[in-house]
Amino acid sequence: TAFAVRHRDGRQVRTATSLPGPFNVANAALAVAMVLEAGTDARDLEAA
């Protein structure tokens, strides 16, 4: 599934997960948000 995780301030990361199922989108989105909340720049994470 391809998806984006967007903050209310406009920051976002577009990515995809190869793990099947909507629940894995939830897991992947949580991982993205946790890494961003640790201080990672959204553009750097999306590029990586």
ModelCIF file with pLDDT and N, C-alpha, C, O atoms, coordinates in Angstrom:
data_MODEL
#
_entry.id   MODEL 
#
_entity.id                         1 
_entity.type                       polymer 
_entity.pdbx_number_of_molecules   1 
#
_entity_poly.entity_id                      1 
_entity_poly.type                           'polypeptide(L)' 
_entity_poly.nstd_linkage                   no 
_entity_poly.nstd_monomer                   no 
_entity_poly.pdbx_seq_one_letter_code       TAFAVRHRDGRQVRTATSLPGPFNVANAALAVAMVLEAGTDARDLEAA 
_entity_poly.pdbx_seq_one_letter_code_can   TAFAVRHRDGRQVRTATSLPGPFNVANAALAVAMVLEAGTDARDLEAA 
_entity_poly.pdbx_strand_id                 A 
#
loop_
_entity_poly_seq.entity_id 
_entity_poly_seq.num 
_entity_poly_seq.mon_id 
_entity_poly_seq.hetero 
1 1  THR n 
1 2  ALA n 
1 3  PHE n 
1 4  ALA n 
1 5  VAL n 
1 6  ARG n 
1 7  HIS n 
1 8  ARG n 
1 9  ASP n 
1 10 GLY n 
1 11 ARG n 
1 12 GLN n 
1 13 VAL n 
1 14 ARG n 
1 15 THR n 
1 16 ALA n 
1 17 THR n 
1 18 SER n 
1 19 LEU n 
1 20 PRO n 
1 21 GLY n 
1 22 PRO n 
1 23 PHE n 
1 24 ASN n 
1 25 VAL n 
1 26 ALA n 
1 27 ASN n 
1 28 ALA n 
1 29 ALA n 
1 30 LEU n 
1 31 ALA n 
1 32 VAL n 
1 33 ALA n 
1 34 MET n 
1 35 VAL n 
1 36 LEU n 
1 37 GLU n 
1 38 ALA n 
1 39 GLY n 
1 40 THR n 
1 41 ASP n 
1 42 ALA n 
1 43 ARG n 
1 44 ASP n 
1 45 LEU n 
1 46 GLU n 
1 47 ALA n 
1 48 ALA n 
#
_struct_asym.id          A 
_struct_asym.entity_id   1 
#
loop_
_ma_qa_metric.id 
_ma_qa_metric.mode 
_ma_qa_metric.name 
_ma_qa_metric.software_group_id 
_ma_qa_metric.type 
1 global pLDDT . pLDDT 
2 local  pLDDT . pLDDT 
#
_ma_qa_metric_global.metric_id      1 
_ma_qa_metric_global.metric_value   95.56 
_ma_qa_metric_global.model_id       1 
_ma_qa_metric_global.ordinal_id     1 
#
loop_
_ma_qa_metric_local.label_asym_id 
_ma_qa_metric_local.label_comp_id 
_ma_qa_metric_local.label_seq_id 
_ma_qa_metric_local.metric_id 
_ma_qa_metric_local.metric_value 
_ma_qa_metric_local.model_id 
_ma_qa_metric_local.ordinal_id 
A THR 1  2 93.00 1 1  
A ALA 2  2 96.00 1 2  
A PHE 3  2 97.00 1 3  
A ALA 4  2 97.00 1 4  
A VAL 5  2 98.00 1 5  
A ARG 6  2 97.00 1 6  
A HIS 7  2 97.00 1 7  
A ARG 8  2 95.00 1 8  
A ASP 9  2 96.00 1 9  
A GLY 10 2 95.00 1 10 
A ARG 11 2 96.00 1 11 
A GLN 12 2 97.00 1 12 
A VAL 13 2 98.00 1 13 
A ARG 14 2 98.00 1 14 
A THR 15 2 97.00 1 15 
A ALA 16 2 97.00 1 16 
A THR 17 2 94.00 1 17 
A SER 18 2 89.00 1 18 
A LEU 19 2 88.00 1 19 
A PRO 20 2 84.00 1 20 
A GLY 21 2 84.00 1 21 
A PRO 22 2 87.00 1 22 
A PHE 23 2 87.00 1 23 
A ASN 24 2 91.00 1 24 
A VAL 25 2 95.00 1 25 
A ALA 26 2 95.00 1 26 
A ASN 27 2 95.00 1 27 
A ALA 28 2 97.00 1 28 
A ALA 29 2 98.00 1 29 
A LEU 30 2 98.00 1 30 
A ALA 31 2 98.00 1 31 
A VAL 32 2 98.00 1 32 
A ALA 33 2 98.00 1 33 
A MET 34 2 98.00 1 34 
A VAL 35 2 98.00 1 35 
A LEU 36 2 98.00 1 36 
A GLU 37 2 98.00 1 37 
A ALA 38 2 98.00 1 38 
A GLY 39 2 97.00 1 39 
A THR 40 2 98.00 1 40 
A ASP 41 2 98.00 1 41 
A ALA 42 2 98.00 1 42 
A ARG 43 2 97.00 1 43 
A ASP 44 2 98.00 1 44 
A LEU 45 2 98.00 1 45 
A GLU 46 2 98.00 1 46 
A ALA 47 2 98.00 1 47 
A ALA 48 2 97.00 1 48 
#
loop_
_atom_site.group_PDB 
_atom_site.id 
_atom_site.type_symbol 
_atom_site.label_atom_id 
_atom_site.label_alt_id 
_atom_site.label_comp_id 
_atom_site.label_asym_id 
_atom_site.label_entity_id 
_atom_site.label_seq_id 
_atom_site.pdbx_PDB_ins_code 
_atom_site.Cartn_x 
_atom_site.Cartn_y 
_atom_site.Cartn_z 
_atom_site.occupancy 
_atom_site.B_iso_or_equiv 
_atom_site.pdbx_formal_charge 
_atom_site.auth_seq_id 
_atom_site.auth_comp_id 
_atom_site.auth_asym_id 
_atom_site.auth_atom_id 
_atom_site.pdbx_PDB_model_num 
ATOM 1   N N  . THR A 1 1  ? 0.836  -1.196 0.000  1.00 93.00 ? 1  THR A N  1 
ATOM 2   C CA . THR A 1 1  ? 0.000  0.000  0.000  1.00 93.00 ? 1  THR A CA 1 
ATOM 3   C C  . THR A 1 1  ? 0.870  1.246  0.000  1.00 93.00 ? 1  THR A C  1 
ATOM 4   O O  . THR A 1 1  ? 1.832  1.338  0.762  1.00 93.00 ? 1  THR A O  1 
ATOM 5   N N  . ALA A 1 2  ? 0.527  2.216  -0.866 1.00 96.00 ? 2  ALA A N  1 
ATOM 6   C CA . ALA A 1 2  ? 1.137  3.543  -0.817 1.00 96.00 ? 2  ALA A CA 1 
ATOM 7   C C  . ALA A 1 2  ? 0.283  4.433  0.089  1.00 96.00 ? 2  ALA A C  1 
ATOM 8   O O  . ALA A 1 2  ? -0.938 4.279  0.136  1.00 96.00 ? 2  ALA A O  1 
ATOM 9   N N  . PHE A 1 3  ? 0.902  5.339  0.791  1.00 97.00 ? 3  PHE A N  1 
ATOM 10  C CA . PHE A 1 3  ? 0.162  6.220  1.691  1.00 97.00 ? 3  PHE A CA 1 
ATOM 11  C C  . PHE A 1 3  ? 1.040  7.418  2.047  1.00 97.00 ? 3  PHE A C  1 
ATOM 12  O O  . PHE A 1 3  ? 2.234  7.447  1.748  1.00 97.00 ? 3  PHE A O  1 
ATOM 13  N N  . ALA A 1 4  ? 0.432  8.381  2.677  1.00 97.00 ? 4  ALA A N  1 
ATOM 14  C CA . ALA A 1 4  ? 1.173  9.525  3.210  1.00 97.00 ? 4  ALA A CA 1 
ATOM 15  C C  . ALA A 1 4  ? 0.766  9.739  4.658  1.00 97.00 ? 4  ALA A C  1 
ATOM 16  O O  . ALA A 1 4  ? -0.375 9.480  5.040  1.00 97.00 ? 4  ALA A O  1 
ATOM 17  N N  . VAL A 1 5  ? 1.704  10.212 5.453  1.00 98.00 ? 5  VAL A N  1 
ATOM 18  C CA . VAL A 1 5  ? 1.432  10.600 6.839  1.00 98.00 ? 5  VAL A CA 1 
ATOM 19  C C  . VAL A 1 5  ? 1.613  12.113 6.905  1.00 98.00 ? 5  VAL A C  1 
ATOM 20  O O  . VAL A 1 5  ? 2.708  12.629 6.678  1.00 98.00 ? 5  VAL A O  1 
ATOM 21  N N  . ARG A 1 6  ? 0.521  12.821 7.221  1.00 97.00 ? 6  ARG A N  1 
ATOM 22  C CA . ARG A 1 6  ? 0.524  14.293 7.156  1.00 97.00 ? 6  ARG A CA 1 
ATOM 23  C C  . ARG A 1 6  ? 0.243  14.896 8.527  1.00 97.00 ? 6  ARG A C  1 
ATOM 24  O O  . ARG A 1 6  ? -0.675 14.473 9.229  1.00 97.00 ? 6  ARG A O  1 
ATOM 25  N N  . HIS A 1 7  ? 1.035  15.876 8.891  1.00 97.00 ? 7  HIS A N  1 
ATOM 26  C CA . HIS A 1 7  ? 0.832  16.602 10.151 1.00 97.00 ? 7  HIS A CA 1 
ATOM 27  C C  . HIS A 1 7  ? -0.112 17.767 9.910  1.00 97.00 ? 7  HIS A C  1 
ATOM 28  O O  . HIS A 1 7  ? -0.226 18.265 8.790  1.00 97.00 ? 7  HIS A O  1 
ATOM 29  N N  . ARG A 1 8  ? -0.768 18.188 10.941 1.00 95.00 ? 8  ARG A N  1 
ATOM 30  C CA . ARG A 1 8  ? -1.692 19.313 10.809 1.00 95.00 ? 8  ARG A CA 1 
ATOM 31  C C  . ARG A 1 8  ? -0.976 20.606 10.416 1.00 95.00 ? 8  ARG A C  1 
ATOM 32  O O  . ARG A 1 8  ? -1.613 21.542 9.932  1.00 95.00 ? 8  ARG A O  1 
ATOM 33  N N  . ASP A 1 9  ? 0.378  20.666 10.625 1.00 96.00 ? 9  ASP A N  1 
ATOM 34  C CA . ASP A 1 9  ? 1.125  21.858 10.240 1.00 96.00 ? 9  ASP A CA 1 
ATOM 35  C C  . ASP A 1 9  ? 1.592  21.818 8.786  1.00 96.00 ? 9  ASP A C  1 
ATOM 36  O O  . ASP A 1 9  ? 2.257  22.744 8.322  1.00 96.00 ? 9  ASP A O  1 
ATOM 37  N N  . GLY A 1 10 ? 1.247  20.749 8.068  1.00 95.00 ? 10 GLY A N  1 
ATOM 38  C CA . GLY A 1 10 ? 1.576  20.659 6.654  1.00 95.00 ? 10 GLY A CA 1 
ATOM 39  C C  . GLY A 1 10 ? 2.720  19.724 6.324  1.00 95.00 ? 10 GLY A C  1 
ATOM 40  O O  . GLY A 1 10 ? 2.863  19.326 5.169  1.00 95.00 ? 10 GLY A O  1 
ATOM 41  N N  . ARG A 1 11 ? 3.534  19.362 7.290  1.00 96.00 ? 11 ARG A N  1 
ATOM 42  C CA . ARG A 1 11 ? 4.608  18.393 7.022  1.00 96.00 ? 11 ARG A CA 1 
ATOM 43  C C  . ARG A 1 11 ? 4.000  17.059 6.616  1.00 96.00 ? 11 ARG A C  1 
ATOM 44  O O  . ARG A 1 11 ? 2.938  16.680 7.110  1.00 96.00 ? 11 ARG A O  1 
ATOM 45  N N  . GLN A 1 12 ? 4.671  16.348 5.717  1.00 97.00 ? 12 GLN A N  1 
ATOM 46  C CA . GLN A 1 12 ? 4.176  15.029 5.375  1.00 97.00 ? 12 GLN A CA 1 
ATOM 47  C C  . GLN A 1 12 ? 5.297  14.168 4.818  1.00 97.00 ? 12 GLN A C  1 
ATOM 48  O O  . GLN A 1 12 ? 6.315  14.669 4.341  1.00 97.00 ? 12 GLN A O  1 
ATOM 49  N N  . VAL A 1 13 ? 5.086  12.863 4.891  1.00 98.00 ? 13 VAL A N  1 
ATOM 50  C CA . VAL A 1 13 ? 5.985  11.881 4.302  1.00 98.00 ? 13 VAL A CA 1 
ATOM 51  C C  . VAL A 1 13 ? 5.146  10.958 3.436  1.00 98.00 ? 13 VAL A C  1 
ATOM 52  O O  . VAL A 1 13 ? 4.184  10.351 3.907  1.00 98.00 ? 13 VAL A O  1 
ATOM 53  N N  . ARG A 1 14 ? 5.517  10.856 2.164  1.00 98.00 ? 14 ARG A N  1 
ATOM 54  C CA . ARG A 1 14 ? 4.877  9.911  1.247  1.00 98.00 ? 14 ARG A CA 1 
ATOM 55  C C  . ARG A 1 14 ? 5.773  8.693  1.120  1.00 98.00 ? 14 ARG A C  1 
ATOM 56  O O  . ARG A 1 14 ? 6.970  8.819  0.862  1.00 98.00 ? 14 ARG A O  1 
ATOM 57  N N  . THR A 1 15 ? 5.199  7.524  1.298  1.00 97.00 ? 15 THR A N  1 
ATOM 58  C CA . THR A 1 15 ? 5.981  6.302  1.200  1.00 97.00 ? 15 THR A CA 1 
ATOM 59  C C  . THR A 1 15 ? 5.040  5.143  0.896  1.00 97.00 ? 15 THR A C  1 
ATOM 60  O O  . THR A 1 15 ? 3.887  5.360  0.525  1.00 97.00 ? 15 THR A O  1 
ATOM 61  N N  . ALA A 1 16 ? 5.518  3.935  1.048  1.00 97.00 ? 16 ALA A N  1 
ATOM 62  C CA . ALA A 1 16 ? 4.698  2.745  0.820  1.00 97.00 ? 16 ALA A CA 1 
ATOM 63  C C  . ALA A 1 16 ? 5.234  1.628  1.688  1.00 97.00 ? 16 ALA A C  1 
ATOM 64  O O  . ALA A 1 16 ? 6.398  1.637  2.090  1.00 97.00 ? 16 ALA A O  1 
ATOM 65  N N  . THR A 1 17 ? 4.376  0.671  1.971  1.00 94.00 ? 17 THR A N  1 
ATOM 66  C CA . THR A 1 17 ? 4.814  -0.535 2.666  1.00 94.00 ? 17 THR A CA 1 
ATOM 67  C C  . THR A 1 17 ? 4.427  -1.751 1.834  1.00 94.00 ? 17 THR A C  1 
ATOM 68  O O  . THR A 1 17 ? 3.335  -1.810 1.268  1.00 94.00 ? 17 THR A O  1 
ATOM 69  N N  . SER A 1 18 ? 5.327  -2.709 1.768  1.00 89.00 ? 18 SER A N  1 
ATOM 70  C CA . SER A 1 18 ? 5.034  -3.950 1.045  1.00 89.00 ? 18 SER A CA 1 
ATOM 71  C C  . SER A 1 18 ? 4.284  -4.945 1.908  1.00 89.00 ? 18 SER A C  1 
ATOM 72  O O  . SER A 1 18 ? 3.830  -5.972 1.405  1.00 89.00 ? 18 SER A O  1 
ATOM 73  N N  . LEU A 1 19 ? 4.141  -4.662 3.216  1.00 88.00 ? 19 LEU A N  1 
ATOM 74  C CA . LEU A 1 19 ? 3.434  -5.561 4.122  1.00 88.00 ? 19 LEU A CA 1 
ATOM 75  C C  . LEU A 1 19 ? 1.934  -5.458 3.856  1.00 88.00 ? 19 LEU A C  1 
ATOM 76  O O  . LEU A 1 19 ? 1.408  -4.347 3.791  1.00 88.00 ? 19 LEU A O  1 
ATOM 77  N N  . PRO A 1 20 ? 1.235  -6.567 3.701  1.00 84.00 ? 20 PRO A N  1 
ATOM 78  C CA . PRO A 1 20 ? -0.175 -6.528 3.288  1.00 84.00 ? 20 PRO A CA 1 
ATOM 79  C C  . PRO A 1 20 ? -1.122 -6.146 4.412  1.00 84.00 ? 20 PRO A C  1 
ATOM 80  O O  . PRO A 1 20 ? -0.837 -6.380 5.587  1.00 84.00 ? 20 PRO A O  1 
ATOM 81  N N  . GLY A 1 21 ? -2.253 -5.555 4.039  1.00 84.00 ? 21 GLY A N  1 
ATOM 82  C CA . GLY A 1 21 ? -3.339 -5.322 4.983  1.00 84.00 ? 21 GLY A CA 1 
ATOM 83  C C  . GLY A 1 21 ? -3.386 -3.915 5.543  1.00 84.00 ? 21 GLY A C  1 
ATOM 84  O O  . GLY A 1 21 ? -2.345 -3.289 5.749  1.00 84.00 ? 21 GLY A O  1 
ATOM 85  N N  . PRO A 1 22 ? -4.600 -3.407 5.795  1.00 87.00 ? 22 PRO A N  1 
ATOM 86  C CA . PRO A 1 22 ? -4.744 -2.074 6.388  1.00 87.00 ? 22 PRO A CA 1 
ATOM 87  C C  . PRO A 1 22 ? -4.058 -1.943 7.740  1.00 87.00 ? 22 PRO A C  1 
ATOM 88  O O  . PRO A 1 22 ? -3.565 -0.866 8.075  1.00 87.00 ? 22 PRO A O  1 
ATOM 89  N N  . PHE A 1 23 ? -4.016 -3.032 8.535  1.00 87.00 ? 23 PHE A N  1 
ATOM 90  C CA . PHE A 1 23 ? -3.386 -2.926 9.845  1.00 87.00 ? 23 PHE A CA 1 
ATOM 91  C C  . PHE A 1 23 ? -1.890 -2.674 9.711  1.00 87.00 ? 23 PHE A C  1 
ATOM 92  O O  . PHE A 1 23 ? -1.285 -2.073 10.599 1.00 87.00 ? 23 PHE A O  1 
ATOM 93  N N  . ASN A 1 24 ? -1.285 -3.127 8.612  1.00 91.00 ? 24 ASN A N  1 
ATOM 94  C CA . ASN A 1 24 ? 0.134  -2.836 8.417  1.00 91.00 ? 24 ASN A CA 1 
ATOM 95  C C  . ASN A 1 24 ? 0.358  -1.415 7.935  1.00 91.00 ? 24 ASN A C  1 
ATOM 96  O O  . ASN A 1 24 ? 1.440  -0.866 8.144  1.00 91.00 ? 24 ASN A O  1 
ATOM 97  N N  . VAL A 1 25 ? -0.627 -0.803 7.299  1.00 95.00 ? 25 VAL A N  1 
ATOM 98  C CA . VAL A 1 25 ? -0.553 0.631  7.028  1.00 95.00 ? 25 VAL A CA 1 
ATOM 99  C C  . VAL A 1 25 ? -0.527 1.385  8.356  1.00 95.00 ? 25 VAL A C  1 
ATOM 100 O O  . VAL A 1 25 ? 0.226  2.346  8.514  1.00 95.00 ? 25 VAL A O  1 
ATOM 101 N N  . ALA A 1 26 ? -1.349 0.948  9.307  1.00 95.00 ? 26 ALA A N  1 
ATOM 102 C CA . ALA A 1 26 ? -1.353 1.577  10.631 1.00 95.00 ? 26 ALA A CA 1 
ATOM 103 C C  . ALA A 1 26 ? 0.000  1.422  11.313 1.00 95.00 ? 26 ALA A C  1 
ATOM 104 O O  . ALA A 1 26 ? 0.525  2.374  11.889 1.00 95.00 ? 26 ALA A O  1 
ATOM 105 N N  . ASN A 1 27 ? 0.562  0.213  11.245 1.00 95.00 ? 27 ASN A N  1 
ATOM 106 C CA . ASN A 1 27 ? 1.874  -0.011 11.859 1.00 95.00 ? 27 ASN A CA 1 
ATOM 107 C C  . ASN A 1 27 ? 2.948  0.860  11.204 1.00 95.00 ? 27 ASN A C  1 
ATOM 108 O O  . ASN A 1 27 ? 3.776  1.459  11.890 1.00 95.00 ? 27 ASN A O  1 
ATOM 109 N N  . ALA A 1 28 ? 2.924  0.922  9.870  1.00 97.00 ? 28 ALA A N  1 
ATOM 110 C CA . ALA A 1 28 ? 3.920  1.711  9.150  1.00 97.00 ? 28 ALA A CA 1 
ATOM 111 C C  . ALA A 1 28 ? 3.756  3.199  9.428  1.00 97.00 ? 28 ALA A C  1 
ATOM 112 O O  . ALA A 1 28 ? 4.744  3.914  9.595  1.00 97.00 ? 28 ALA A O  1 
ATOM 113 N N  . ALA A 1 29 ? 2.519  3.666  9.479  1.00 98.00 ? 29 ALA A N  1 
ATOM 114 C CA . ALA A 1 29 ? 2.278  5.084  9.764  1.00 98.00 ? 29 ALA A CA 1 
ATOM 115 C C  . ALA A 1 29 ? 2.747  5.450  11.165 1.00 98.00 ? 29 ALA A C  1 
ATOM 116 O O  . ALA A 1 29 ? 3.310  6.523  11.382 1.00 98.00 ? 29 ALA A O  1 
ATOM 117 N N  . LEU A 1 30 ? 2.508  4.546  12.119 1.00 98.00 ? 30 LEU A N  1 
ATOM 118 C CA . LEU A 1 30 ? 2.981  4.803  13.480 1.00 98.00 ? 30 LEU A CA 1 
ATOM 119 C C  . LEU A 1 30 ? 4.501  4.888  13.508 1.00 98.00 ? 30 LEU A C  1 
ATOM 120 O O  . LEU A 1 30 ? 5.061  5.764  14.167 1.00 98.00 ? 30 LEU A O  1 
ATOM 121 N N  . ALA A 1 31 ? 5.168  3.990  12.802 1.00 98.00 ? 31 ALA A N  1 
ATOM 122 C CA . ALA A 1 31 ? 6.628  4.026  12.752 1.00 98.00 ? 31 ALA A CA 1 
ATOM 123 C C  . ALA A 1 31 ? 7.120  5.342  12.167 1.00 98.00 ? 31 ALA A C  1 
ATOM 124 O O  . ALA A 1 31 ? 8.053  5.948  12.693 1.00 98.00 ? 31 ALA A O  1 
ATOM 125 N N  . VAL A 1 32 ? 6.491  5.789  11.076 1.00 98.00 ? 32 VAL A N  1 
ATOM 126 C CA . VAL A 1 32 ? 6.877  7.064  10.457 1.00 98.00 ? 32 VAL A CA 1 
ATOM 127 C C  . VAL A 1 32 ? 6.693  8.209  11.436 1.00 98.00 ? 32 VAL A C  1 
ATOM 128 O O  . VAL A 1 32 ? 7.589  9.037  11.604 1.00 98.00 ? 32 VAL A O  1 
ATOM 129 N N  . ALA A 1 33 ? 5.534  8.260  12.086 1.00 98.00 ? 33 ALA A N  1 
ATOM 130 C CA . ALA A 1 33 ? 5.263  9.353  13.026 1.00 98.00 ? 33 ALA A CA 1 
ATOM 131 C C  . ALA A 1 33 ? 6.231  9.343  14.199 1.00 98.00 ? 33 ALA A C  1 
ATOM 132 O O  . ALA A 1 33 ? 6.653  10.405 14.656 1.00 98.00 ? 33 ALA A O  1 
ATOM 133 N N  . MET A 1 34 ? 6.591  8.157  14.698 1.00 98.00 ? 34 MET A N  1 
ATOM 134 C CA . MET A 1 34 ? 7.527  8.076  15.817 1.00 98.00 ? 34 MET A CA 1 
ATOM 135 C C  . MET A 1 34 ? 8.906  8.608  15.422 1.00 98.00 ? 34 MET A C  1 
ATOM 136 O O  . MET A 1 34 ? 9.537  9.337  16.187 1.00 98.00 ? 34 MET A O  1 
ATOM 137 N N  . VAL A 1 35 ? 9.363  8.243  14.236 1.00 98.00 ? 35 VAL A N  1 
ATOM 138 C CA . VAL A 1 35 ? 10.668 8.724  13.770 1.00 98.00 ? 35 VAL A CA 1 
ATOM 139 C C  . VAL A 1 35 ? 10.641 10.238 13.582 1.00 98.00 ? 35 VAL A C  1 
ATOM 140 O O  . VAL A 1 35 ? 11.612 10.921 13.909 1.00 98.00 ? 35 VAL A O  1 
ATOM 141 N N  . LEU A 1 36 ? 9.538  10.766 13.058 1.00 98.00 ? 36 LEU A N  1 
ATOM 142 C CA . LEU A 1 36 ? 9.418  12.214 12.899 1.00 98.00 ? 36 LEU A CA 1 
ATOM 143 C C  . LEU A 1 36 ? 9.358  12.917 14.250 1.00 98.00 ? 36 LEU A C  1 
ATOM 144 O O  . LEU A 1 36 ? 9.953  13.982 14.417 1.00 98.00 ? 36 LEU A O  1 
ATOM 145 N N  . GLU A 1 37 ? 8.649  12.339 15.214 1.00 98.00 ? 37 GLU A N  1 
ATOM 146 C CA . GLU A 1 37 ? 8.559  12.954 16.534 1.00 98.00 ? 37 GLU A CA 1 
ATOM 147 C C  . GLU A 1 37 ? 9.897  12.913 17.279 1.00 98.00 ? 37 GLU A C  1 
ATOM 148 O O  . GLU A 1 37 ? 10.093 13.642 18.251 1.00 98.00 ? 37 GLU A O  1 
ATOM 149 N N  . ALA A 1 38 ? 10.812 12.059 16.818 1.00 98.00 ? 38 ALA A N  1 
ATOM 150 C CA . ALA A 1 38 ? 12.153 12.030 17.406 1.00 98.00 ? 38 ALA A CA 1 
ATOM 151 C C  . ALA A 1 38 ? 13.018 13.173 16.889 1.00 98.00 ? 38 ALA A C  1 
ATOM 152 O O  . ALA A 1 38 ? 14.142 13.360 17.357 1.00 98.00 ? 38 ALA A O  1 
ATOM 153 N N  . GLY A 1 39 ? 12.504 13.937 15.929 1.00 97.00 ? 39 GLY A N  1 
ATOM 154 C CA . GLY A 1 39 ? 13.238 15.095 15.440 1.00 97.00 ? 39 GLY A CA 1 
ATOM 155 C C  . GLY A 1 39 ? 13.728 14.985 14.013 1.00 97.00 ? 39 GLY A C  1 
ATOM 156 O O  . GLY A 1 39 ? 14.408 15.890 13.531 1.00 97.00 ? 39 GLY A O  1 
ATOM 157 N N  . THR A 1 40 ? 13.405 13.905 13.321 1.00 98.00 ? 40 THR A N  1 
ATOM 158 C CA . THR A 1 40 ? 13.840 13.731 11.940 1.00 98.00 ? 40 THR A CA 1 
ATOM 159 C C  . THR A 1 40 ? 13.068 14.665 11.013 1.00 98.00 ? 40 THR A C  1 
ATOM 160 O O  . THR A 1 40 ? 11.856 14.821 11.160 1.00 98.00 ? 40 THR A O  1 
ATOM 161 N N  . ASP A 1 41 ? 13.754 15.281 10.071 1.00 98.00 ? 41 ASP A N  1 
ATOM 162 C CA . ASP A 1 41 ? 13.110 16.134 9.093  1.00 98.00 ? 41 ASP A CA 1 
ATOM 163 C C  . ASP A 1 41 ? 12.291 15.271 8.126  1.00 98.00 ? 41 ASP A C  1 
ATOM 164 O O  . ASP A 1 41 ? 12.769 14.240 7.653  1.00 98.00 ? 41 ASP A O  1 
ATOM 165 N N  . ALA A 1 42 ? 11.068 15.693 7.838  1.00 98.00 ? 42 ALA A N  1 
ATOM 166 C CA . ALA A 1 42 ? 10.171 14.909 6.990  1.00 98.00 ? 42 ALA A CA 1 
ATOM 167 C C  . ALA A 1 42 ? 10.765 14.691 5.605  1.00 98.00 ? 42 ALA A C  1 
ATOM 168 O O  . ALA A 1 42 ? 10.617 13.610 5.035  1.00 98.00 ? 42 ALA A O  1 
ATOM 169 N N  . ARG A 1 43 ? 11.438 15.704 5.053  1.00 97.00 ? 43 ARG A N  1 
ATOM 170 C CA . ARG A 1 43 ? 12.027 15.555 3.720  1.00 97.00 ? 43 ARG A CA 1 
ATOM 171 C C  . ARG A 1 43 ? 13.156 14.525 3.728  1.00 97.00 ? 43 ARG A C  1 
ATOM 172 O O  . ARG A 1 43 ? 13.308 13.743 2.790  1.00 97.00 ? 43 ARG A O  1 
ATOM 173 N N  . ASP A 1 44 ? 13.940 14.539 4.801  1.00 98.00 ? 44 ASP A N  1 
ATOM 174 C CA . ASP A 1 44 ? 15.029 13.557 4.896  1.00 98.00 ? 44 ASP A CA 1 
ATOM 175 C C  . ASP A 1 44 ? 14.482 12.137 4.997  1.00 98.00 ? 44 ASP A C  1 
ATOM 176 O O  . ASP A 1 44 ? 15.011 11.220 4.368  1.00 98.00 ? 44 ASP A O  1 
ATOM 177 N N  . LEU A 1 45 ? 13.412 11.953 5.795  1.00 98.00 ? 45 LEU A N  1 
ATOM 178 C CA . LEU A 1 45 ? 12.844 10.623 5.959  1.00 98.00 ? 45 LEU A CA 1 
ATOM 179 C C  . LEU A 1 45 ? 12.218 10.136 4.659  1.00 98.00 ? 45 LEU A C  1 
ATOM 180 O O  . LEU A 1 45 ? 12.392 8.976  4.284  1.00 98.00 ? 45 LEU A O  1 
ATOM 181 N N  . GLU A 1 46 ? 11.493 11.011 3.967  1.00 98.00 ? 46 GLU A N  1 
ATOM 182 C CA . GLU A 1 46 ? 10.868 10.603 2.711  1.00 98.00 ? 46 GLU A CA 1 
ATOM 183 C C  . GLU A 1 46 ? 11.931 10.197 1.693  1.00 98.00 ? 46 GLU A C  1 
ATOM 184 O O  . GLU A 1 46 ? 11.769 9.200  0.989  1.00 98.00 ? 46 GLU A O  1 
ATOM 185 N N  . ALA A 1 47 ? 13.003 10.958 1.614  1.00 98.00 ? 47 ALA A N  1 
ATOM 186 C CA . ALA A 1 47 ? 14.069 10.630 0.672  1.00 98.00 ? 47 ALA A CA 1 
ATOM 187 C C  . ALA A 1 47 ? 14.751 9.312  1.043  1.00 98.00 ? 47 ALA A C  1 
ATOM 188 O O  . ALA A 1 47 ? 15.067 8.504  0.170  1.00 98.00 ? 47 ALA A O  1 
ATOM 189 N N  . ALA A 1 48 ? 14.973 9.105  2.329  1.00 97.00 ? 48 ALA A N  1 
ATOM 190 C CA . ALA A 1 48 ? 15.631 7.873  2.777  1.00 97.00 ? 48 ALA A CA 1 
ATOM 191 C C  . ALA A 1 48 ? 14.764 6.649  2.491  1.00 97.00 ? 48 ALA A C  1 
ATOM 192 O O  . ALA A 1 48 ? 15.161 5.526  2.801  1.00 97.00 ? 48 ALA A O  1 
#
